[in-house]
Amino acid sequence: MWRPGQQEPVILVEGSEESVLCAPEQIVALAVDREMDDAKNKADVVHHDDDDAVTERA
């Protein structure tokens, strides 16, 4: 566990355009942001698929 005065641990986060070096508490925030973005993107994709299906039936 990190304590003040020690060198901060650095964790490499993969999966983005740029690899990001962060302290552990930032990793959690990034993971939450990514999950929210993924959920939003999936919702957008489903929405667009529904629009396409309605257009094809019409």
C-alpha atoms as a PDB file:
ATOM      1  CA  MET A   1       0.000   0.000   0.000  1.00  0.00           C
ATOM      2  CA  TRP A   2       1.304   3.433  -0.914  1.00  0.00           C
ATOM      3  CA  ARG A   3       2.128   5.814   1.924  1.00  0.00           C
ATOM      4  CA  PRO A   4       3.059   9.493   1.752  1.00  0.00           C
ATOM      5  CA  GLY A   5       6.807   9.854   1.366  1.00  0.00           C
ATOM      6  CA  GLN A   6       7.216   6.731  -0.733  1.00  0.00           C
ATOM      7  CA  GLN A   7       7.584   6.873  -4.475  1.00  0.00           C
ATOM      8  CA  GLU A   8       4.103   6.554  -5.965  1.00  0.00           C
ATOM      9  CA  PRO A   9       3.418   3.257  -7.688  1.00  0.00           C
ATOM     10  CA  VAL A  10       2.924   3.646 -11.412  1.00  0.00           C
ATOM     11  CA  ILE A  11       0.561   1.403 -13.339  1.00  0.00           C
ATOM     12  CA  LEU A  12       0.454   1.196 -17.119  1.00  0.00           C
ATOM     13  CA  VAL A  13      -3.073   1.369 -18.520  1.00  0.00           C
ATOM     14  CA  GLU A  14      -3.479  -0.263 -21.914  1.00  0.00           C
ATOM     15  CA  GLY A  15      -6.362  -0.114 -24.331  1.00  0.00           C
ATOM     16  CA  SER A  16      -6.398   3.575 -25.168  1.00  0.00           C
ATOM     17  CA  GLU A  17      -4.759   5.460 -28.002  1.00  0.00           C
ATOM     18  CA  GLU A  18      -2.037   6.494 -25.596  1.00  0.00           C
ATOM     19  CA  SER A  19      -0.754   4.375 -22.752  1.00  0.00           C
ATOM     20  CA  VAL A  20      -1.362   6.341 -19.582  1.00  0.00           C
ATOM     21  CA  LEU A  21       0.708   6.293 -16.414  1.00  0.00           C
ATOM     22  CA  CYS A  22      -1.461   6.797 -13.348  1.00  0.00           C
ATOM     23  CA  ALA A  23      -1.598   6.391  -9.600  1.00  0.00           C
ATOM     24  CA  PRO A  24      -3.946   3.578  -8.422  1.00  0.00           C
ATOM     25  CA  GLU A  25      -6.835   5.887  -7.433  1.00  0.00           C
ATOM     26  CA  GLN A  26      -6.832   7.287 -10.978  1.00  0.00           C
ATOM     27  CA  ILE A  27      -7.037   3.765 -12.412  1.00  0.00           C
ATOM     28  CA  VAL A  28     -10.429   3.274 -10.764  1.00  0.00           C
ATOM     29  CA  ALA A  29     -11.737   6.551 -12.193  1.00  0.00           C
ATOM     30  CA  LEU A  30     -10.479   5.607 -15.665  1.00  0.00           C
ATOM     31  CA  ALA A  31     -12.093   2.171 -15.426  1.00  0.00           C
ATOM     32  CA  VAL A  32     -15.439   3.693 -14.398  1.00  0.00           C
ATOM     33  CA  ASP A  33     -15.249   6.261 -17.206  1.00  0.00           C
ATOM     34  CA  ARG A  34     -14.440   3.524 -19.713  1.00  0.00           C
ATOM     35  CA  GLU A  35     -17.367   1.359 -18.528  1.00  0.00           C
ATOM     36  CA  MET A  36     -19.739   4.321 -18.835  1.00  0.00           C
ATOM     37  CA  ASP A  37     -18.436   5.100 -22.332  1.00  0.00           C
ATOM     38  CA  ASP A  38     -18.789   1.443 -23.353  1.00  0.00           C
ATOM     39  CA  ALA A  39     -22.375   1.331 -22.070  1.00  0.00           C
ATOM     40  CA  LYS A  40     -23.200   4.562 -23.900  1.00  0.00           C
ATOM     41  CA  ASN A  41     -21.610   3.287 -27.115  1.00  0.00           C
ATOM     42  CA  LYS A  42     -23.548   0.002 -26.894  1.00  0.00           C
ATOM     43  CA  ALA A  43     -26.777   1.940 -26.342  1.00  0.00           C
ATOM     44  CA  ASP A  44     -25.993   4.108 -29.375  1.00  0.00           C
ATOM     45  CA  VAL A  45     -25.287   1.035 -31.514  1.00  0.00           C
ATOM     46  CA  VAL A  46     -28.540  -0.648 -30.464  1.00  0.00           C
ATOM     47  CA  HIS A  47     -30.440   2.576 -31.159  1.00  0.00           C
ATOM     48  CA  HIS A  48     -28.933   2.876 -34.637  1.00  0.00           C
ATOM     49  CA  ASP A  49     -29.652  -0.803 -35.370  1.00  0.00           C
ATOM     50  CA  ASP A  50     -33.301  -0.251 -34.417  1.00  0.00           C
ATOM     51  CA  ASP A  51     -33.511   2.727 -36.768  1.00  0.00           C
ATOM     52  CA  ASP A  52     -32.072   0.622 -39.605  1.00  0.00           C
ATOM     53  CA  ALA A  53     -34.521  -2.199 -38.961  1.00  0.00           C
ATOM     54  CA  VAL A  54     -37.498   0.180 -39.008  1.00  0.00           C
ATOM     55  CA  THR A  55     -36.225   1.767 -42.239  1.00  0.00           C
ATOM     56  CA  GLU A  56     -35.838  -1.644 -43.905  1.00  0.00           C
ATOM     57  CA  ARG A  57     -39.387  -2.699 -42.979  1.00  0.00           C
ATOM     58  CA  ALA A  58     -40.962   0.534 -44.198  1.00  0.00           C
END
